mmCIF file of all heavy atoms, coordinates in Angstrom:
data_MODEL
# 
_entry.id   MODEL 
# 
loop_
_atom_site.group_PDB 
_atom_site.id 
_atom_site.type_symbol 
_atom_site.label_atom_id 
_atom_site.label_alt_id 
_atom_site.label_comp_id 
_atom_site.label_asym_id 
_atom_site.label_entity_id 
_atom_site.label_seq_id 
_atom_site.pdbx_PDB_ins_code 
_atom_site.Cartn_x 
_atom_site.Cartn_y 
_atom_site.Cartn_z 
_atom_site.occupancy 
_atom_site.B_iso_or_equiv 
_atom_site.pdbx_formal_charge 
_atom_site.auth_seq_id 
_atom_site.auth_comp_id 
_atom_site.auth_asym_id 
_atom_site.auth_atom_id 
_atom_site.pdbx_PDB_model_num 
ATOM 1   N N   . PRO A 1 1  ? -33.277 -84.520 11.847  1.00 0.00 ? 1  PRO A N   1 
ATOM 2   C CA  . PRO A 1 1  ? -33.221 -83.133 11.354  1.00 0.00 ? 1  PRO A CA  1 
ATOM 3   C C   . PRO A 1 1  ? -32.299 -82.935 10.153  1.00 0.00 ? 1  PRO A C   1 
ATOM 4   O O   . PRO A 1 1  ? -32.549 -82.060 9.317   1.00 0.00 ? 1  PRO A O   1 
ATOM 5   C CB  . PRO A 1 1  ? -32.715 -82.349 12.572  1.00 0.00 ? 1  PRO A CB  1 
ATOM 6   C CG  . PRO A 1 1  ? -33.182 -83.157 13.747  1.00 0.00 ? 1  PRO A CG  1 
ATOM 7   C CD  . PRO A 1 1  ? -33.091 -84.588 13.300  1.00 0.00 ? 1  PRO A CD  1 
ATOM 8   N N   . ARG A 1 2  ? -31.275 -83.747 10.058  1.00 0.00 ? 2  ARG A N   1 
ATOM 9   C CA  . ARG A 1 2  ? -30.365 -83.627 8.921   1.00 0.00 ? 2  ARG A CA  1 
ATOM 10  C C   . ARG A 1 2  ? -31.083 -83.863 7.592   1.00 0.00 ? 2  ARG A C   1 
ATOM 11  O O   . ARG A 1 2  ? -30.687 -83.335 6.555   1.00 0.00 ? 2  ARG A O   1 
ATOM 12  C CB  . ARG A 1 2  ? -29.211 -84.625 9.080   1.00 0.00 ? 2  ARG A CB  1 
ATOM 13  C CG  . ARG A 1 2  ? -28.329 -84.744 7.835   1.00 0.00 ? 2  ARG A CG  1 
ATOM 14  C CD  . ARG A 1 2  ? -27.114 -85.571 8.079   1.00 0.00 ? 2  ARG A CD  1 
ATOM 15  N NE  . ARG A 1 2  ? -26.342 -85.777 6.864   1.00 0.00 ? 2  ARG A NE  1 
ATOM 16  C CZ  . ARG A 1 2  ? -25.083 -86.199 6.838   1.00 0.00 ? 2  ARG A CZ  1 
ATOM 17  N NH1 . ARG A 1 2  ? -24.443 -86.432 7.968   1.00 0.00 ? 2  ARG A NH1 1 
ATOM 18  N NH2 . ARG A 1 2  ? -24.458 -86.383 5.686   1.00 0.00 ? 2  ARG A NH2 1 
ATOM 19  N N   . HIS A 1 3  ? -32.147 -84.644 7.626   1.00 0.00 ? 3  HIS A N   1 
ATOM 20  C CA  . HIS A 1 3  ? -32.843 -85.011 6.396   1.00 0.00 ? 3  HIS A CA  1 
ATOM 21  C C   . HIS A 1 3  ? -33.974 -84.058 6.014   1.00 0.00 ? 3  HIS A C   1 
ATOM 22  O O   . HIS A 1 3  ? -34.632 -84.265 4.998   1.00 0.00 ? 3  HIS A O   1 
ATOM 23  C CB  . HIS A 1 3  ? -33.401 -86.433 6.519   1.00 0.00 ? 3  HIS A CB  1 
ATOM 24  C CG  . HIS A 1 3  ? -32.335 -87.481 6.606   1.00 0.00 ? 3  HIS A CG  1 
ATOM 25  N ND1 . HIS A 1 3  ? -32.481 -88.637 7.336   1.00 0.00 ? 3  HIS A ND1 1 
ATOM 26  C CD2 . HIS A 1 3  ? -31.093 -87.536 6.060   1.00 0.00 ? 3  HIS A CD2 1 
ATOM 27  C CE1 . HIS A 1 3  ? -31.387 -89.361 7.228   1.00 0.00 ? 3  HIS A CE1 1 
ATOM 28  N NE2 . HIS A 1 3  ? -30.530 -88.716 6.457   1.00 0.00 ? 3  HIS A NE2 1 
ATOM 29  N N   . GLU A 1 4  ? -34.196 -83.046 6.820   1.00 0.00 ? 4  GLU A N   1 
ATOM 30  C CA  . GLU A 1 4  ? -35.275 -82.101 6.535   1.00 0.00 ? 4  GLU A CA  1 
ATOM 31  C C   . GLU A 1 4  ? -35.072 -81.444 5.157   1.00 0.00 ? 4  GLU A C   1 
ATOM 32  O O   . GLU A 1 4  ? -35.977 -81.436 4.320   1.00 0.00 ? 4  GLU A O   1 
ATOM 33  C CB  . GLU A 1 4  ? -35.332 -81.036 7.620   1.00 0.00 ? 4  GLU A CB  1 
ATOM 34  C CG  . GLU A 1 4  ? -36.359 -79.948 7.398   1.00 0.00 ? 4  GLU A CG  1 
ATOM 35  C CD  . GLU A 1 4  ? -37.779 -80.401 7.663   1.00 0.00 ? 4  GLU A CD  1 
ATOM 36  O OE1 . GLU A 1 4  ? -37.955 -81.485 8.256   1.00 0.00 ? 4  GLU A OE1 1 
ATOM 37  O OE2 . GLU A 1 4  ? -38.701 -79.670 7.278   1.00 0.00 ? 4  GLU A OE2 1 
ATOM 38  N N   . ALA A 1 5  ? -33.888 -80.906 4.932   1.00 0.00 ? 5  ALA A N   1 
ATOM 39  C CA  . ALA A 1 5  ? -33.635 -80.186 3.667   1.00 0.00 ? 5  ALA A CA  1 
ATOM 40  C C   . ALA A 1 5  ? -33.623 -81.112 2.456   1.00 0.00 ? 5  ALA A C   1 
ATOM 41  O O   . ALA A 1 5  ? -34.314 -80.842 1.466   1.00 0.00 ? 5  ALA A O   1 
ATOM 42  C CB  . ALA A 1 5  ? -32.332 -79.404 3.769   1.00 0.00 ? 5  ALA A CB  1 
ATOM 43  N N   . PRO A 1 6  ? -32.845 -82.206 2.473   1.00 0.00 ? 6  PRO A N   1 
ATOM 44  C CA  . PRO A 1 6  ? -32.830 -83.041 1.265   1.00 0.00 ? 6  PRO A CA  1 
ATOM 45  C C   . PRO A 1 6  ? -34.177 -83.668 0.939   1.00 0.00 ? 6  PRO A C   1 
ATOM 46  O O   . PRO A 1 6  ? -34.551 -83.782 -0.232  1.00 0.00 ? 6  PRO A O   1 
ATOM 47  C CB  . PRO A 1 6  ? -31.775 -84.110 1.570   1.00 0.00 ? 6  PRO A CB  1 
ATOM 48  C CG  . PRO A 1 6  ? -31.634 -84.118 3.053   1.00 0.00 ? 6  PRO A CG  1 
ATOM 49  C CD  . PRO A 1 6  ? -31.890 -82.703 3.484   1.00 0.00 ? 6  PRO A CD  1 
ATOM 50  N N   . SER A 1 7  ? -34.949 -84.063 1.960   1.00 0.00 ? 7  SER A N   1 
ATOM 51  C CA  . SER A 1 7  ? -36.222 -84.716 1.684   1.00 0.00 ? 7  SER A CA  1 
ATOM 52  C C   . SER A 1 7  ? -37.266 -83.744 1.149   1.00 0.00 ? 7  SER A C   1 
ATOM 53  O O   . SER A 1 7  ? -38.272 -84.166 0.588   1.00 0.00 ? 7  SER A O   1 
ATOM 54  C CB  . SER A 1 7  ? -36.764 -85.391 2.952   1.00 0.00 ? 7  SER A CB  1 
ATOM 55  O OG  . SER A 1 7  ? -37.099 -84.436 3.941   1.00 0.00 ? 7  SER A OG  1 
ATOM 56  N N   . ARG A 1 8  ? -37.015 -82.459 1.294   1.00 0.00 ? 8  ARG A N   1 
ATOM 57  C CA  . ARG A 1 8  ? -37.909 -81.440 0.758   1.00 0.00 ? 8  ARG A CA  1 
ATOM 58  C C   . ARG A 1 8  ? -37.401 -80.862 -0.561  1.00 0.00 ? 8  ARG A C   1 
ATOM 59  O O   . ARG A 1 8  ? -37.978 -79.915 -1.103  1.00 0.00 ? 8  ARG A O   1 
ATOM 60  C CB  . ARG A 1 8  ? -38.096 -80.314 1.776   1.00 0.00 ? 8  ARG A CB  1 
ATOM 61  C CG  . ARG A 1 8  ? -38.855 -80.747 3.016   1.00 0.00 ? 8  ARG A CG  1 
ATOM 62  C CD  . ARG A 1 8  ? -38.848 -79.654 4.090   1.00 0.00 ? 8  ARG A CD  1 
ATOM 63  N NE  . ARG A 1 8  ? -39.531 -78.448 3.628   1.00 0.00 ? 8  ARG A NE  1 
ATOM 64  C CZ  . ARG A 1 8  ? -40.833 -78.237 3.752   1.00 0.00 ? 8  ARG A CZ  1 
ATOM 65  N NH1 . ARG A 1 8  ? -41.604 -79.149 4.310   1.00 0.00 ? 8  ARG A NH1 1 
ATOM 66  N NH2 . ARG A 1 8  ? -41.370 -77.108 3.337   1.00 0.00 ? 8  ARG A NH2 1 
ATOM 67  N N   . THR A 1 9  ? -36.337 -81.436 -1.075  1.00 0.00 ? 9  THR A N   1 
ATOM 68  C CA  . THR A 1 9  ? -35.761 -80.959 -2.338  1.00 0.00 ? 9  THR A CA  1 
ATOM 69  C C   . THR A 1 9  ? -36.544 -81.529 -3.513  1.00 0.00 ? 9  THR A C   1 
ATOM 70  O O   . THR A 1 9  ? -36.639 -82.748 -3.681  1.00 0.00 ? 9  THR A O   1 
ATOM 71  C CB  . THR A 1 9  ? -34.281 -81.370 -2.458  1.00 0.00 ? 9  THR A CB  1 
ATOM 72  O OG1 . THR A 1 9  ? -33.554 -80.824 -1.363  1.00 0.00 ? 9  THR A OG1 1 
ATOM 73  C CG2 . THR A 1 9  ? -33.697 -80.862 -3.771  1.00 0.00 ? 9  THR A CG2 1 
ATOM 74  N N   . VAL A 1 10 ? -37.098 -80.662 -4.317  1.00 0.00 ? 10 VAL A N   1 
ATOM 75  C CA  . VAL A 1 10 ? -37.856 -81.083 -5.492  1.00 0.00 ? 10 VAL A CA  1 
ATOM 76  C C   . VAL A 1 10 ? -36.881 -81.422 -6.613  1.00 0.00 ? 10 VAL A C   1 
ATOM 77  O O   . VAL A 1 10 ? -36.061 -80.592 -7.006  1.00 0.00 ? 10 VAL A O   1 
ATOM 78  C CB  . VAL A 1 10 ? -38.832 -79.969 -5.940  1.00 0.00 ? 10 VAL A CB  1 
ATOM 79  C CG1 . VAL A 1 10 ? -39.559 -80.376 -7.215  1.00 0.00 ? 10 VAL A CG1 1 
ATOM 80  C CG2 . VAL A 1 10 ? -39.829 -79.666 -4.829  1.00 0.00 ? 10 VAL A CG2 1 
ATOM 81  N N   . ILE A 1 11 ? -36.956 -82.638 -7.109  1.00 0.00 ? 11 ILE A N   1 
ATOM 82  C CA  . ILE A 1 11 ? -36.085 -83.114 -8.184  1.00 0.00 ? 11 ILE A CA  1 
ATOM 83  C C   . ILE A 1 11 ? -36.876 -83.086 -9.487  1.00 0.00 ? 11 ILE A C   1 
ATOM 84  O O   . ILE A 1 11 ? -37.863 -83.804 -9.633  1.00 0.00 ? 11 ILE A O   1 
ATOM 85  C CB  . ILE A 1 11 ? -35.577 -84.549 -7.909  1.00 0.00 ? 11 ILE A CB  1 
ATOM 86  C CG1 . ILE A 1 11 ? -34.957 -84.637 -6.506  1.00 0.00 ? 11 ILE A CG1 1 
ATOM 87  C CG2 . ILE A 1 11 ? -34.593 -84.986 -8.994  1.00 0.00 ? 11 ILE A CG2 1 
ATOM 88  C CD1 . ILE A 1 11 ? -33.688 -83.864 -6.316  1.00 0.00 ? 11 ILE A CD1 1 
ATOM 89  N N   . GLY A 1 12 ? -36.448 -82.243 -10.423 1.00 0.00 ? 12 GLY A N   1 
ATOM 90  C CA  . GLY A 1 12 ? -37.195 -82.078 -11.662 1.00 0.00 ? 12 GLY A CA  1 
ATOM 91  C C   . GLY A 1 12 ? -37.406 -83.372 -12.428 1.00 0.00 ? 12 GLY A C   1 
ATOM 92  O O   . GLY A 1 12 ? -38.465 -83.589 -13.022 1.00 0.00 ? 12 GLY A O   1 
ATOM 93  N N   . LEU A 1 13 ? -36.404 -84.252 -12.394 1.00 0.00 ? 13 LEU A N   1 
ATOM 94  C CA  . LEU A 1 13 ? -36.508 -85.506 -13.136 1.00 0.00 ? 13 LEU A CA  1 
ATOM 95  C C   . LEU A 1 13 ? -37.560 -86.432 -12.535 1.00 0.00 ? 13 LEU A C   1 
ATOM 96  O O   . LEU A 1 13 ? -38.046 -87.340 -13.205 1.00 0.00 ? 13 LEU A O   1 
ATOM 97  C CB  . LEU A 1 13 ? -35.147 -86.214 -13.153 1.00 0.00 ? 13 LEU A CB  1 
ATOM 98  C CG  . LEU A 1 13 ? -35.005 -87.397 -14.113 1.00 0.00 ? 13 LEU A CG  1 
ATOM 99  C CD1 . LEU A 1 13 ? -35.147 -86.939 -15.562 1.00 0.00 ? 13 LEU A CD1 1 
ATOM 100 C CD2 . LEU A 1 13 ? -33.667 -88.091 -13.925 1.00 0.00 ? 13 LEU A CD2 1 
ATOM 101 N N   . PHE A 1 14 ? -37.949 -86.212 -11.286 1.00 0.00 ? 14 PHE A N   1 
ATOM 102 C CA  . PHE A 1 14 ? -38.957 -87.043 -10.625 1.00 0.00 ? 14 PHE A CA  1 
ATOM 103 C C   . PHE A 1 14 ? -40.375 -86.518 -10.849 1.00 0.00 ? 14 PHE A C   1 
ATOM 104 O O   . PHE A 1 14 ? -41.323 -87.060 -10.271 1.00 0.00 ? 14 PHE A O   1 
ATOM 105 C CB  . PHE A 1 14 ? -38.692 -87.105 -9.119  1.00 0.00 ? 14 PHE A CB  1 
ATOM 106 C CG  . PHE A 1 14 ? -37.396 -87.768 -8.733  1.00 0.00 ? 14 PHE A CG  1 
ATOM 107 C CD1 . PHE A 1 14 ? -36.881 -87.611 -7.452  1.00 0.00 ? 14 PHE A CD1 1 
ATOM 108 C CD2 . PHE A 1 14 ? -36.686 -88.553 -9.631  1.00 0.00 ? 14 PHE A CD2 1 
ATOM 109 C CE1 . PHE A 1 14 ? -35.694 -88.223 -7.080  1.00 0.00 ? 14 PHE A CE1 1 
ATOM 110 C CE2 . PHE A 1 14 ? -35.489 -89.157 -9.270  1.00 0.00 ? 14 PHE A CE2 1 
ATOM 111 C CZ  . PHE A 1 14 ? -34.991 -88.993 -7.989  1.00 0.00 ? 14 PHE A CZ  1 
ATOM 112 N N   . GLU A 1 15 ? -40.533 -85.486 -11.676 1.00 0.00 ? 15 GLU A N   1 
ATOM 113 C CA  . GLU A 1 15 ? -41.837 -84.859 -11.874 1.00 0.00 ? 15 GLU A CA  1 
ATOM 114 C C   . GLU A 1 15 ? -42.344 -85.018 -13.305 1.00 0.00 ? 15 GLU A C   1 
ATOM 115 O O   . GLU A 1 15 ? -41.582 -84.881 -14.256 1.00 0.00 ? 15 GLU A O   1 
ATOM 116 C CB  . GLU A 1 15 ? -41.768 -83.370 -11.546 1.00 0.00 ? 15 GLU A CB  1 
ATOM 117 C CG  . GLU A 1 15 ? -41.459 -83.081 -10.093 1.00 0.00 ? 15 GLU A CG  1 
ATOM 118 C CD  . GLU A 1 15 ? -41.606 -81.608 -9.775  1.00 0.00 ? 15 GLU A CD  1 
ATOM 119 O OE1 . GLU A 1 15 ? -41.100 -80.780 -10.561 1.00 0.00 ? 15 GLU A OE1 1 
ATOM 120 O OE2 . GLU A 1 15 ? -42.231 -81.275 -8.763  1.00 0.00 ? 15 GLU A OE2 1 
ATOM 121 N N   . CYS A 1 16 ? -43.641 -85.279 -13.433 1.00 0.00 ? 16 CYS A N   1 
ATOM 122 C CA  . CYS A 1 16 ? -44.292 -85.331 -14.745 1.00 0.00 ? 16 CYS A CA  1 
ATOM 123 C C   . CYS A 1 16 ? -44.913 -83.974 -15.047 1.00 0.00 ? 16 CYS A C   1 
ATOM 124 O O   . CYS A 1 16 ? -45.662 -83.442 -14.214 1.00 0.00 ? 16 CYS A O   1 
ATOM 125 C CB  . CYS A 1 16 ? -45.371 -86.410 -14.762 1.00 0.00 ? 16 CYS A CB  1 
ATOM 126 S SG  . CYS A 1 16 ? -46.412 -86.367 -16.243 1.00 0.00 ? 16 CYS A SG  1 
ATOM 127 N N   . PRO A 1 17 ? -44.665 -83.404 -16.222 1.00 0.00 ? 17 PRO A N   1 
ATOM 128 C CA  . PRO A 1 17 ? -45.230 -82.088 -16.553 1.00 0.00 ? 17 PRO A CA  1 
ATOM 129 C C   . PRO A 1 17 ? -46.740 -82.094 -16.726 1.00 0.00 ? 17 PRO A C   1 
ATOM 130 O O   . PRO A 1 17 ? -47.350 -81.031 -16.781 1.00 0.00 ? 17 PRO A O   1 
ATOM 131 C CB  . PRO A 1 17 ? -44.515 -81.724 -17.862 1.00 0.00 ? 17 PRO A CB  1 
ATOM 132 C CG  . PRO A 1 17 ? -44.088 -83.020 -18.451 1.00 0.00 ? 17 PRO A CG  1 
ATOM 133 C CD  . PRO A 1 17 ? -43.770 -83.911 -17.275 1.00 0.00 ? 17 PRO A CD  1 
ATOM 134 N N   . SER A 1 18 ? -47.359 -83.263 -16.801 1.00 0.00 ? 18 SER A N   1 
ATOM 135 C CA  . SER A 1 18 ? -48.813 -83.338 -16.959 1.00 0.00 ? 18 SER A CA  1 
ATOM 136 C C   . SER A 1 18 ? -49.541 -83.643 -15.653 1.00 0.00 ? 18 SER A C   1 
ATOM 137 O O   . SER A 1 18 ? -50.737 -83.943 -15.668 1.00 0.00 ? 18 SER A O   1 
ATOM 138 C CB  . SER A 1 18 ? -49.186 -84.418 -17.994 1.00 0.00 ? 18 SER A CB  1 
ATOM 139 O OG  . SER A 1 18 ? -48.842 -84.012 -19.296 1.00 0.00 ? 18 SER A OG  1 
ATOM 140 N N   . ASP A 1 19 ? -48.846 -83.551 -14.531 1.00 0.00 ? 19 ASP A N   1 
ATOM 141 C CA  . ASP A 1 19 ? -49.485 -83.839 -13.248 1.00 0.00 ? 19 ASP A CA  1 
ATOM 142 C C   . ASP A 1 19 ? -50.666 -82.893 -13.039 1.00 0.00 ? 19 ASP A C   1 
ATOM 143 O O   . ASP A 1 19 ? -50.486 -81.677 -12.963 1.00 0.00 ? 19 ASP A O   1 
ATOM 144 C CB  . ASP A 1 19 ? -48.471 -83.665 -12.120 1.00 0.00 ? 19 ASP A CB  1 
ATOM 145 C CG  . ASP A 1 19 ? -49.012 -84.116 -10.769 1.00 0.00 ? 19 ASP A CG  1 
ATOM 146 O OD1 . ASP A 1 19 ? -50.239 -84.094 -10.584 1.00 0.00 ? 19 ASP A OD1 1 
ATOM 147 O OD2 . ASP A 1 19 ? -48.199 -84.486 -9.911  1.00 0.00 ? 19 ASP A OD2 1 
ATOM 148 N N   . PRO A 1 20 ? -51.896 -83.420 -12.917 1.00 0.00 ? 20 PRO A N   1 
ATOM 149 C CA  . PRO A 1 20 ? -53.073 -82.557 -12.782 1.00 0.00 ? 20 PRO A CA  1 
ATOM 150 C C   . PRO A 1 20 ? -53.196 -81.903 -11.413 1.00 0.00 ? 20 PRO A C   1 
ATOM 151 O O   . PRO A 1 20 ? -53.978 -80.966 -11.243 1.00 0.00 ? 20 PRO A O   1 
ATOM 152 C CB  . PRO A 1 20 ? -54.238 -83.525 -13.016 1.00 0.00 ? 20 PRO A CB  1 
ATOM 153 C CG  . PRO A 1 20 ? -53.709 -84.839 -12.553 1.00 0.00 ? 20 PRO A CG  1 
ATOM 154 C CD  . PRO A 1 20 ? -52.257 -84.842 -12.938 1.00 0.00 ? 20 PRO A CD  1 
ATOM 155 N N   . GLU A 1 21 ? -52.437 -82.394 -10.442 1.00 0.00 ? 21 GLU A N   1 
ATOM 156 C CA  . GLU A 1 21 ? -52.525 -81.857 -9.086  1.00 0.00 ? 21 GLU A CA  1 
ATOM 157 C C   . GLU A 1 21 ? -51.442 -80.838 -8.789  1.00 0.00 ? 21 GLU A C   1 
ATOM 158 O O   . GLU A 1 21 ? -51.375 -80.311 -7.681  1.00 0.00 ? 21 GLU A O   1 
ATOM 159 C CB  . GLU A 1 21 ? -52.428 -83.012 -8.067  1.00 0.00 ? 21 GLU A CB  1 
ATOM 160 C CG  . GLU A 1 21 ? -53.571 -84.001 -8.142  1.00 0.00 ? 21 GLU A CG  1 
ATOM 161 C CD  . GLU A 1 21 ? -54.856 -83.419 -7.593  1.00 0.00 ? 21 GLU A CD  1 
ATOM 162 O OE1 . GLU A 1 21 ? -54.803 -82.616 -6.657  1.00 0.00 ? 21 GLU A OE1 1 
ATOM 163 O OE2 . GLU A 1 21 ? -55.926 -83.786 -8.121  1.00 0.00 ? 21 GLU A OE2 1 
ATOM 164 N N   . GLY A 1 22 ? -50.576 -80.567 -9.763  1.00 0.00 ? 22 GLY A N   1 
ATOM 165 C CA  . GLY A 1 22 ? -49.465 -79.662 -9.506  1.00 0.00 ? 22 GLY A CA  1 
ATOM 166 C C   . GLY A 1 22 ? -48.284 -80.416 -8.938  1.00 0.00 ? 22 GLY A C   1 
ATOM 167 O O   . GLY A 1 22 ? -48.406 -81.519 -8.418  1.00 0.00 ? 22 GLY A O   1 
ATOM 168 N N   . ARG A 1 23 ? -47.123 -79.817 -9.013  1.00 0.00 ? 23 ARG A N   1 
ATOM 169 C CA  . ARG A 1 23 ? -45.908 -80.509 -8.605  1.00 0.00 ? 23 ARG A CA  1 
ATOM 170 C C   . ARG A 1 23 ? -45.218 -79.748 -7.478  1.00 0.00 ? 23 ARG A C   1 
ATOM 171 O O   . ARG A 1 23 ? -45.559 -78.639 -7.148  1.00 0.00 ? 23 ARG A O   1 
ATOM 172 C CB  . ARG A 1 23 ? -44.973 -80.657 -9.817  1.00 0.00 ? 23 ARG A CB  1 
ATOM 173 C CG  . ARG A 1 23 ? -45.663 -81.356 -10.984 1.00 0.00 ? 23 ARG A CG  1 
ATOM 174 C CD  . ARG A 1 23 ? -44.716 -81.594 -12.141 1.00 0.00 ? 23 ARG A CD  1 
ATOM 175 N NE  . ARG A 1 23 ? -44.134 -80.387 -12.698 1.00 0.00 ? 23 ARG A NE  1 
ATOM 176 C CZ  . ARG A 1 23 ? -44.765 -79.565 -13.520 1.00 0.00 ? 23 ARG A CZ  1 
ATOM 177 N NH1 . ARG A 1 23 ? -46.025 -79.781 -13.841 1.00 0.00 ? 23 ARG A NH1 1 
ATOM 178 N NH2 . ARG A 1 23 ? -44.166 -78.500 -14.004 1.00 0.00 ? 23 ARG A NH2 1 
ATOM 179 N N   . GLY A 1 24 ? -44.229 -80.366 -6.885  1.00 0.00 ? 24 GLY A N   1 
ATOM 180 C CA  . GLY A 1 24 ? -43.500 -79.736 -5.799  1.00 0.00 ? 24 GLY A CA  1 
ATOM 181 C C   . GLY A 1 24 ? -43.596 -80.563 -4.533  1.00 0.00 ? 24 GLY A C   1 
ATOM 182 O O   . GLY A 1 24 ? -43.491 -81.782 -4.560  1.00 0.00 ? 24 GLY A O   1 
ATOM 183 N N   . LEU A 1 25 ? -43.820 -79.896 -3.399  1.00 0.00 ? 25 LEU A N   1 
ATOM 184 C CA  . LEU A 1 25 ? -43.918 -80.601 -2.133  1.00 0.00 ? 25 LEU A CA  1 
ATOM 185 C C   . LEU A 1 25 ? -45.253 -81.325 -2.029  1.00 0.00 ? 25 LEU A C   1 
ATOM 186 O O   . LEU A 1 25 ? -46.288 -80.800 -2.428  1.00 0.00 ? 25 LEU A O   1 
ATOM 187 C CB  . LEU A 1 25 ? -43.776 -79.621 -0.963  1.00 0.00 ? 25 LEU A CB  1 
ATOM 188 C CG  . LEU A 1 25 ? -42.416 -78.948 -0.813  1.00 0.00 ? 25 LEU A CG  1 
ATOM 189 C CD1 . LEU A 1 25 ? -42.422 -78.056 0.420   1.00 0.00 ? 25 LEU A CD1 1 
ATOM 190 C CD2 . LEU A 1 25 ? -41.291 -79.959 -0.720  1.00 0.00 ? 25 LEU A CD2 1 
# 
C-alpha cells in the first residue's frame, strides 16, 4: 500500500509529447 501513490505519480520527463494514445496513467 505504501507504493500506491508513488507508482501512480506521472513523471513529465518519462512522457513523450507525441504519444498517440495519450499520456498519464
